[in-house]
Amino acid sequence: MDPGAIGRIVNVEADLERVTVSADGRLLASHERRWARHQIFTDPGHVDKAASLRRVHRSVKAGRSTVVEERDLSIYDELFGVAMPDDARELSGAGR
């Protein structure tokens, strides 16, 4: 299977003679079915592409983050009539 399909939902169809794999209506793989047990057959081109994709994935800087707005959830306490003492609010981080 082409490593470019990693993480995608694919459709695998197999009969007694062939195995085909497609995604989004596009053929990704088609080959003669092999009945050998406990063996893995790998296309050398796929090994190279997987290695390239791993290098790219690892080169992405860890720790990048997206800024997400934080909403003050104390309004729910007010809506449901839950009284929270001010000192408990400070400990919980509510009202930031």
N, C-alpha and C. Protein backbone atom coordinates (compact mmCIF):
# COMPACT_ATOMS: atom_id res chain seq x y z
N MET A 1 0.84 -1.17 0.00
CA MET A 1 0.00 0.00 0.00
C MET A 1 0.88 1.24 0.00
N ASP A 2 0.56 2.18 -0.81
CA ASP A 2 1.33 3.43 -0.88
C ASP A 2 1.25 4.16 0.45
N PRO A 3 2.39 4.55 1.03
CA PRO A 3 2.39 5.24 2.32
C PRO A 3 1.64 6.57 2.31
N GLY A 4 1.39 7.13 1.15
CA GLY A 4 0.63 8.37 1.06
C GLY A 4 -0.81 8.21 1.54
N ALA A 5 -1.26 6.96 1.67
CA ALA A 5 -2.63 6.70 2.11
C ALA A 5 -2.72 6.49 3.62
N ILE A 6 -1.61 6.63 4.32
CA ILE A 6 -1.62 6.45 5.78
C ILE A 6 -2.60 7.43 6.40
N GLY A 7 -3.44 6.91 7.29
CA GLY A 7 -4.41 7.74 7.99
C GLY A 7 -5.72 7.95 7.25
N ARG A 8 -5.83 7.42 6.05
CA ARG A 8 -7.06 7.59 5.26
C ARG A 8 -7.91 6.33 5.37
N ILE A 9 -9.20 6.49 5.22
CA ILE A 9 -10.10 5.34 5.15
C ILE A 9 -10.06 4.83 3.72
N VAL A 10 -9.77 3.53 3.58
CA VAL A 10 -9.67 2.93 2.26
C VAL A 10 -10.67 1.79 2.13
N ASN A 11 -10.97 1.46 0.90
CA ASN A 11 -11.85 0.33 0.60
C ASN A 11 -10.98 -0.78 0.02
N VAL A 12 -10.99 -1.96 0.66
CA VAL A 12 -10.21 -3.09 0.19
C VAL A 12 -11.17 -4.13 -0.35
N GLU A 13 -10.92 -4.54 -1.60
CA GLU A 13 -11.72 -5.59 -2.21
C GLU A 13 -10.77 -6.72 -2.61
N ALA A 14 -11.13 -7.94 -2.24
CA ALA A 14 -10.30 -9.09 -2.57
C ALA A 14 -11.16 -10.23 -3.05
N ASP A 15 -10.69 -10.89 -4.08
CA ASP A 15 -11.32 -12.12 -4.51
C ASP A 15 -10.23 -13.19 -4.51
N LEU A 16 -10.46 -14.30 -5.14
CA LEU A 16 -9.47 -15.38 -5.11
C LEU A 16 -8.21 -15.05 -5.89
N GLU A 17 -8.27 -14.06 -6.78
CA GLU A 17 -7.14 -13.77 -7.66
C GLU A 17 -6.51 -12.40 -7.47
N ARG A 18 -7.30 -11.38 -7.06
CA ARG A 18 -6.78 -10.01 -6.99
C ARG A 18 -7.16 -9.32 -5.69
N VAL A 19 -6.36 -8.33 -5.32
CA VAL A 19 -6.65 -7.43 -4.21
C VAL A 19 -6.57 -6.02 -4.77
N THR A 20 -7.61 -5.23 -4.52
CA THR A 20 -7.59 -3.82 -4.95
C THR A 20 -7.93 -2.94 -3.76
N VAL A 21 -7.30 -1.78 -3.74
CA VAL A 21 -7.52 -0.81 -2.67
C VAL A 21 -7.82 0.53 -3.32
N SER A 22 -8.88 1.18 -2.84
CA SER A 22 -9.24 2.49 -3.39
C SER A 22 -9.65 3.41 -2.25
N ALA A 23 -9.61 4.70 -2.55
CA ALA A 23 -10.05 5.73 -1.60
C ALA A 23 -10.61 6.88 -2.41
N ASP A 24 -11.75 7.37 -1.98
CA ASP A 24 -12.38 8.51 -2.67
C ASP A 24 -12.55 8.24 -4.16
N GLY A 25 -12.85 6.99 -4.52
CA GLY A 25 -13.06 6.66 -5.92
C GLY A 25 -11.80 6.53 -6.74
N ARG A 26 -10.64 6.65 -6.12
CA ARG A 26 -9.36 6.57 -6.83
C ARG A 26 -8.66 5.26 -6.49
N LEU A 27 -8.19 4.54 -7.49
CA LEU A 27 -7.49 3.28 -7.29
C LEU A 27 -6.12 3.56 -6.68
N LEU A 28 -5.84 2.96 -5.54
CA LEU A 28 -4.54 3.14 -4.88
C LEU A 28 -3.62 1.95 -5.08
N ALA A 29 -4.19 0.77 -5.18
CA ALA A 29 -3.37 -0.43 -5.35
C ALA A 29 -4.19 -1.52 -6.00
N SER A 30 -3.53 -2.32 -6.81
CA SER A 30 -4.15 -3.48 -7.41
C SER A 30 -3.04 -4.48 -7.71
N HIS A 31 -3.17 -5.66 -7.14
CA HIS A 31 -2.13 -6.66 -7.41
C HIS A 31 -2.71 -8.06 -7.29
N GLU A 32 -1.95 -9.00 -7.83
CA GLU A 32 -2.32 -10.40 -7.75
C GLU A 32 -2.32 -10.82 -6.28
N ARG A 33 -3.30 -11.59 -5.91
CA ARG A 33 -3.38 -12.05 -4.52
C ARG A 33 -2.32 -13.11 -4.28
N ARG A 34 -1.63 -12.99 -3.16
CA ARG A 34 -0.61 -13.96 -2.77
C ARG A 34 -1.14 -14.73 -1.57
N TRP A 35 -1.00 -16.01 -1.62
CA TRP A 35 -1.55 -16.87 -0.57
C TRP A 35 -0.48 -17.34 0.41
N ALA A 36 0.71 -16.81 0.32
CA ALA A 36 1.80 -17.23 1.23
C ALA A 36 1.46 -16.81 2.65
N ARG A 37 1.73 -17.68 3.60
CA ARG A 37 1.46 -17.38 5.01
C ARG A 37 2.68 -16.76 5.66
N HIS A 38 2.43 -15.82 6.57
CA HIS A 38 3.47 -15.22 7.41
C HIS A 38 4.59 -14.58 6.59
N GLN A 39 4.24 -13.97 5.48
CA GLN A 39 5.23 -13.27 4.67
C GLN A 39 4.71 -11.88 4.34
N ILE A 40 5.62 -10.95 4.23
CA ILE A 40 5.26 -9.58 3.88
C ILE A 40 5.96 -9.25 2.57
N PHE A 41 5.21 -8.75 1.62
CA PHE A 41 5.77 -8.33 0.34
C PHE A 41 5.70 -6.82 0.28
N THR A 42 6.84 -6.18 0.07
CA THR A 42 6.90 -4.72 0.10
C THR A 42 7.49 -4.19 -1.19
N ASP A 43 6.82 -3.21 -1.75
CA ASP A 43 7.32 -2.52 -2.94
C ASP A 43 8.47 -1.61 -2.49
N PRO A 44 9.67 -1.78 -3.06
CA PRO A 44 10.80 -0.94 -2.65
C PRO A 44 10.53 0.56 -2.78
N GLY A 45 9.72 0.94 -3.76
CA GLY A 45 9.37 2.36 -3.92
C GLY A 45 8.55 2.86 -2.73
N HIS A 46 7.73 1.99 -2.17
CA HIS A 46 6.94 2.37 -1.00
C HIS A 46 7.82 2.52 0.23
N VAL A 47 8.86 1.72 0.34
CA VAL A 47 9.80 1.84 1.46
C VAL A 47 10.48 3.20 1.41
N ASP A 48 10.92 3.60 0.22
CA ASP A 48 11.58 4.90 0.07
C ASP A 48 10.62 6.05 0.38
N LYS A 49 9.39 5.95 -0.12
CA LYS A 49 8.42 7.01 0.13
C LYS A 49 8.07 7.10 1.61
N ALA A 50 7.93 5.95 2.28
CA ALA A 50 7.64 5.95 3.72
C ALA A 50 8.77 6.60 4.49
N ALA A 51 10.01 6.32 4.12
CA ALA A 51 11.17 6.93 4.79
C ALA A 51 11.15 8.45 4.60
N SER A 52 10.81 8.89 3.40
CA SER A 52 10.73 10.32 3.12
C SER A 52 9.63 10.98 3.96
N LEU A 53 8.47 10.34 4.02
CA LEU A 53 7.37 10.90 4.81
C LEU A 53 7.72 10.95 6.30
N ARG A 54 8.45 9.94 6.79
CA ARG A 54 8.89 9.95 8.20
C ARG A 54 9.83 11.12 8.46
N ARG A 55 10.76 11.36 7.53
CA ARG A 55 11.70 12.49 7.71
C ARG A 55 10.94 13.81 7.79
N VAL A 56 9.98 13.99 6.90
CA VAL A 56 9.19 15.22 6.90
C VAL A 56 8.41 15.34 8.22
N HIS A 57 7.79 14.25 8.63
CA HIS A 57 7.00 14.26 9.87
C HIS A 57 7.87 14.59 11.08
N ARG A 58 9.06 14.03 11.13
CA ARG A 58 9.95 14.27 12.27
C ARG A 58 10.56 15.66 12.24
N SER A 59 10.62 16.27 11.06
CA SER A 59 11.23 17.59 10.96
C SER A 59 10.29 18.69 11.43
N VAL A 60 9.01 18.37 11.55
CA VAL A 60 8.04 19.35 12.03
C VAL A 60 8.36 19.62 13.50
N LYS A 61 8.52 20.85 13.82
CA LYS A 61 8.90 21.24 15.18
C LYS A 61 7.84 20.86 16.19
N ALA A 62 8.23 20.12 17.19
CA ALA A 62 7.32 19.77 18.27
C ALA A 62 7.08 21.01 19.12
N GLY A 63 5.94 21.07 19.73
CA GLY A 63 5.65 22.19 20.62
C GLY A 63 4.92 23.33 19.95
N ARG A 64 4.78 23.27 18.63
CA ARG A 64 3.97 24.32 18.00
C ARG A 64 2.55 24.16 18.51
N SER A 65 1.95 25.25 18.83
CA SER A 65 0.59 25.14 19.34
C SER A 65 -0.29 26.20 18.69
N THR A 66 -1.54 25.91 18.72
CA THR A 66 -2.54 26.83 18.21
C THR A 66 -3.11 27.59 19.39
N VAL A 67 -3.26 28.88 19.25
CA VAL A 67 -3.85 29.67 20.32
C VAL A 67 -5.35 29.46 20.29
N VAL A 68 -5.87 29.05 21.42
CA VAL A 68 -7.29 28.79 21.55
C VAL A 68 -7.86 29.72 22.60
N GLU A 69 -8.94 30.39 22.26
CA GLU A 69 -9.58 31.30 23.20
C GLU A 69 -10.11 30.53 24.39
N GLU A 70 -9.89 31.06 25.58
CA GLU A 70 -10.43 30.46 26.80
C GLU A 70 -11.60 31.29 27.27
N ARG A 71 -12.72 30.62 27.45
CA ARG A 71 -13.92 31.32 27.85
C ARG A 71 -14.11 31.19 29.36
N ASP A 72 -14.57 32.25 29.97
CA ASP A 72 -14.89 32.24 31.40
C ASP A 72 -16.17 31.43 31.59
N LEU A 73 -16.04 30.28 32.24
CA LEU A 73 -17.18 29.38 32.40
C LEU A 73 -18.00 29.67 33.65
N SER A 74 -17.64 30.71 34.39
CA SER A 74 -18.39 31.03 35.60
C SER A 74 -19.83 31.45 35.29
N ILE A 75 -20.09 31.82 34.05
CA ILE A 75 -21.46 32.19 33.68
C ILE A 75 -22.41 31.01 33.89
N TYR A 76 -21.90 29.78 33.72
CA TYR A 76 -22.75 28.61 33.95
C TYR A 76 -23.10 28.45 35.42
N ASP A 77 -22.17 28.81 36.31
CA ASP A 77 -22.47 28.79 37.74
C ASP A 77 -23.62 29.74 38.03
N GLU A 78 -23.56 30.92 37.42
CA GLU A 78 -24.61 31.91 37.62
C GLU A 78 -25.94 31.44 37.03
N LEU A 79 -25.90 30.87 35.84
CA LEU A 79 -27.13 30.40 35.19
C LEU A 79 -27.84 29.31 35.98
N PHE A 80 -27.06 28.42 36.58
CA PHE A 80 -27.65 27.31 37.32
C PHE A 80 -27.73 27.55 38.81
N GLY A 81 -27.41 28.77 39.22
CA GLY A 81 -27.53 29.13 40.63
C GLY A 81 -26.54 28.43 41.54
N VAL A 82 -25.39 28.11 41.01
CA VAL A 82 -24.36 27.47 41.83
C VAL A 82 -23.49 28.57 42.41
N ALA A 83 -23.48 28.65 43.73
CA ALA A 83 -22.68 29.68 44.39
C ALA A 83 -21.28 29.12 44.62
N MET A 84 -20.30 29.89 44.20
CA MET A 84 -18.92 29.49 44.41
C MET A 84 -18.21 30.62 45.14
N PRO A 85 -17.71 30.36 46.34
CA PRO A 85 -17.02 31.42 47.08
C PRO A 85 -15.84 31.96 46.27
N ASP A 86 -15.54 33.26 46.46
CA ASP A 86 -14.47 33.89 45.71
C ASP A 86 -13.13 33.20 45.89
N ASP A 87 -12.81 32.74 47.12
CA ASP A 87 -11.53 32.08 47.32
C ASP A 87 -11.47 30.74 46.58
N ALA A 88 -12.58 30.04 46.44
CA ALA A 88 -12.62 28.79 45.68
C ALA A 88 -12.46 29.08 44.19
N ARG A 89 -13.01 30.21 43.77
CA ARG A 89 -12.87 30.63 42.36
C ARG A 89 -11.40 30.83 42.02
N GLU A 90 -10.66 31.45 42.92
CA GLU A 90 -9.23 31.69 42.67
C GLU A 90 -8.47 30.37 42.58
N LEU A 91 -8.79 29.42 43.45
CA LEU A 91 -8.11 28.12 43.43
C LEU A 91 -8.43 27.34 42.16
N SER A 92 -9.66 27.43 41.68
CA SER A 92 -10.06 26.66 40.52
C SER A 92 -9.62 27.31 39.21
N GLY A 93 -9.24 28.58 39.29
CA GLY A 93 -8.86 29.30 38.07
C GLY A 93 -10.05 29.90 37.35
N ALA A 94 -11.23 29.78 37.93
CA ALA A 94 -12.44 30.35 37.32
C ALA A 94 -12.36 31.86 37.34
N GLY A 95 -12.95 32.47 36.36
CA GLY A 95 -13.00 33.92 36.31
C GLY A 95 -11.73 34.54 35.76
N ARG A 96 -10.92 33.75 35.08
CA ARG A 96 -9.69 34.30 34.49
C ARG A 96 -9.99 35.20 33.35
